[in-house]
């Protein structure tokens, strides 16, 4: 199992921490779209946690480029 955790800069006026957890298996294209959509939110998550459930496609390789 491979995980990616990304901590983003939270807005100064916000005291609430927002986490997004994404579980994936063999869906690297969908995972890319999902992570991009999370990064485009007006209030982005402070942390994005990806749990890769033993993918056999390019998921792990792509996640390593995102860390």
Protein backbone atom coordinates (compact mmCIF):
# COMPACT_ATOMS: atom_id res chain seq x y z
CA UNK A 1 0.00 0.00 0.00
CA UNK A 2 1.35 3.42 -0.96
CA UNK A 3 0.09 6.63 0.55
CA UNK A 4 0.60 10.27 -0.36
CA UNK A 5 0.01 13.06 2.06
CA UNK A 6 0.23 16.65 0.92
CA UNK A 7 -0.03 19.56 3.31
CA UNK A 8 -1.14 22.81 1.70
CA UNK A 9 -0.97 26.34 3.11
CA UNK A 10 -4.20 27.09 4.97
CA UNK A 11 -5.72 30.58 4.80
CA UNK A 12 -4.72 32.67 7.84
CA UNK A 13 -8.30 33.56 8.84
CA UNK A 14 -9.44 29.93 9.02
CA UNK A 15 -8.94 27.89 12.15
CA UNK A 16 -10.59 24.73 10.83
CA UNK A 17 -8.38 22.08 9.27
CA UNK A 18 -9.83 20.30 6.24
CA UNK A 19 -8.57 16.90 5.15
CA UNK A 20 -9.52 15.04 1.98
CA UNK A 21 -9.05 11.27 1.91
CA UNK A 22 -9.08 9.51 -1.46
CA UNK A 23 -9.03 5.71 -1.75
CA UNK A 24 -7.99 4.30 -5.11
CA UNK A 25 -7.10 1.11 -6.93
CA UNK A 26 -6.03 0.97 -10.58
CA UNK A 27 -7.65 4.30 -11.49
CA UNK A 28 -4.70 6.62 -12.05
CA UNK A 29 -6.57 8.82 -14.56
CA UNK A 30 -9.51 9.27 -12.21
CA UNK A 31 -7.12 9.90 -9.31
CA UNK A 32 -5.34 12.67 -11.27
CA UNK A 33 -8.69 14.33 -12.00
CA UNK A 34 -9.77 14.02 -8.39
CA UNK A 35 -6.55 15.52 -6.96
CA UNK A 36 -6.65 18.34 -9.50
CA UNK A 37 -10.27 19.10 -8.58
CA UNK A 38 -9.35 19.20 -4.89
CA UNK A 39 -6.49 21.59 -5.62
CA UNK A 40 -8.84 23.90 -7.57
CA UNK A 41 -11.36 24.36 -4.75
CA UNK A 42 -11.81 27.90 -3.43
CA UNK A 43 -11.12 26.47 0.04
CA UNK A 44 -8.55 23.81 -0.65
CA UNK A 45 -8.02 20.96 1.79
CA UNK A 46 -5.10 21.49 4.16
CA UNK A 47 -4.12 17.87 3.66
CA UNK A 48 -4.85 15.40 0.88
CA UNK A 49 -4.36 11.79 1.94
CA UNK A 50 -4.36 9.18 -0.83
CA UNK A 51 -4.65 5.51 0.04
CA UNK A 52 -3.60 3.26 -2.81
CA UNK A 53 -5.16 -0.16 -2.40
CA UNK A 54 -2.44 -2.20 -4.15
CA UNK A 55 -2.82 -0.77 -7.65
CA UNK A 56 -1.10 -2.54 -10.54
CA UNK A 57 -1.29 0.41 -12.95
CA UNK A 58 0.80 3.62 -12.87
CA UNK A 59 -0.82 4.92 -9.66
CA UNK A 60 2.18 4.42 -7.39
CA UNK A 61 4.58 5.97 -9.89
CA UNK A 62 2.32 9.01 -10.32
CA UNK A 63 1.86 9.40 -6.56
CA UNK A 64 5.63 9.45 -6.08
CA UNK A 65 5.86 12.44 -8.43
CA UNK A 66 3.29 14.29 -6.30
CA UNK A 67 4.96 13.94 -2.91
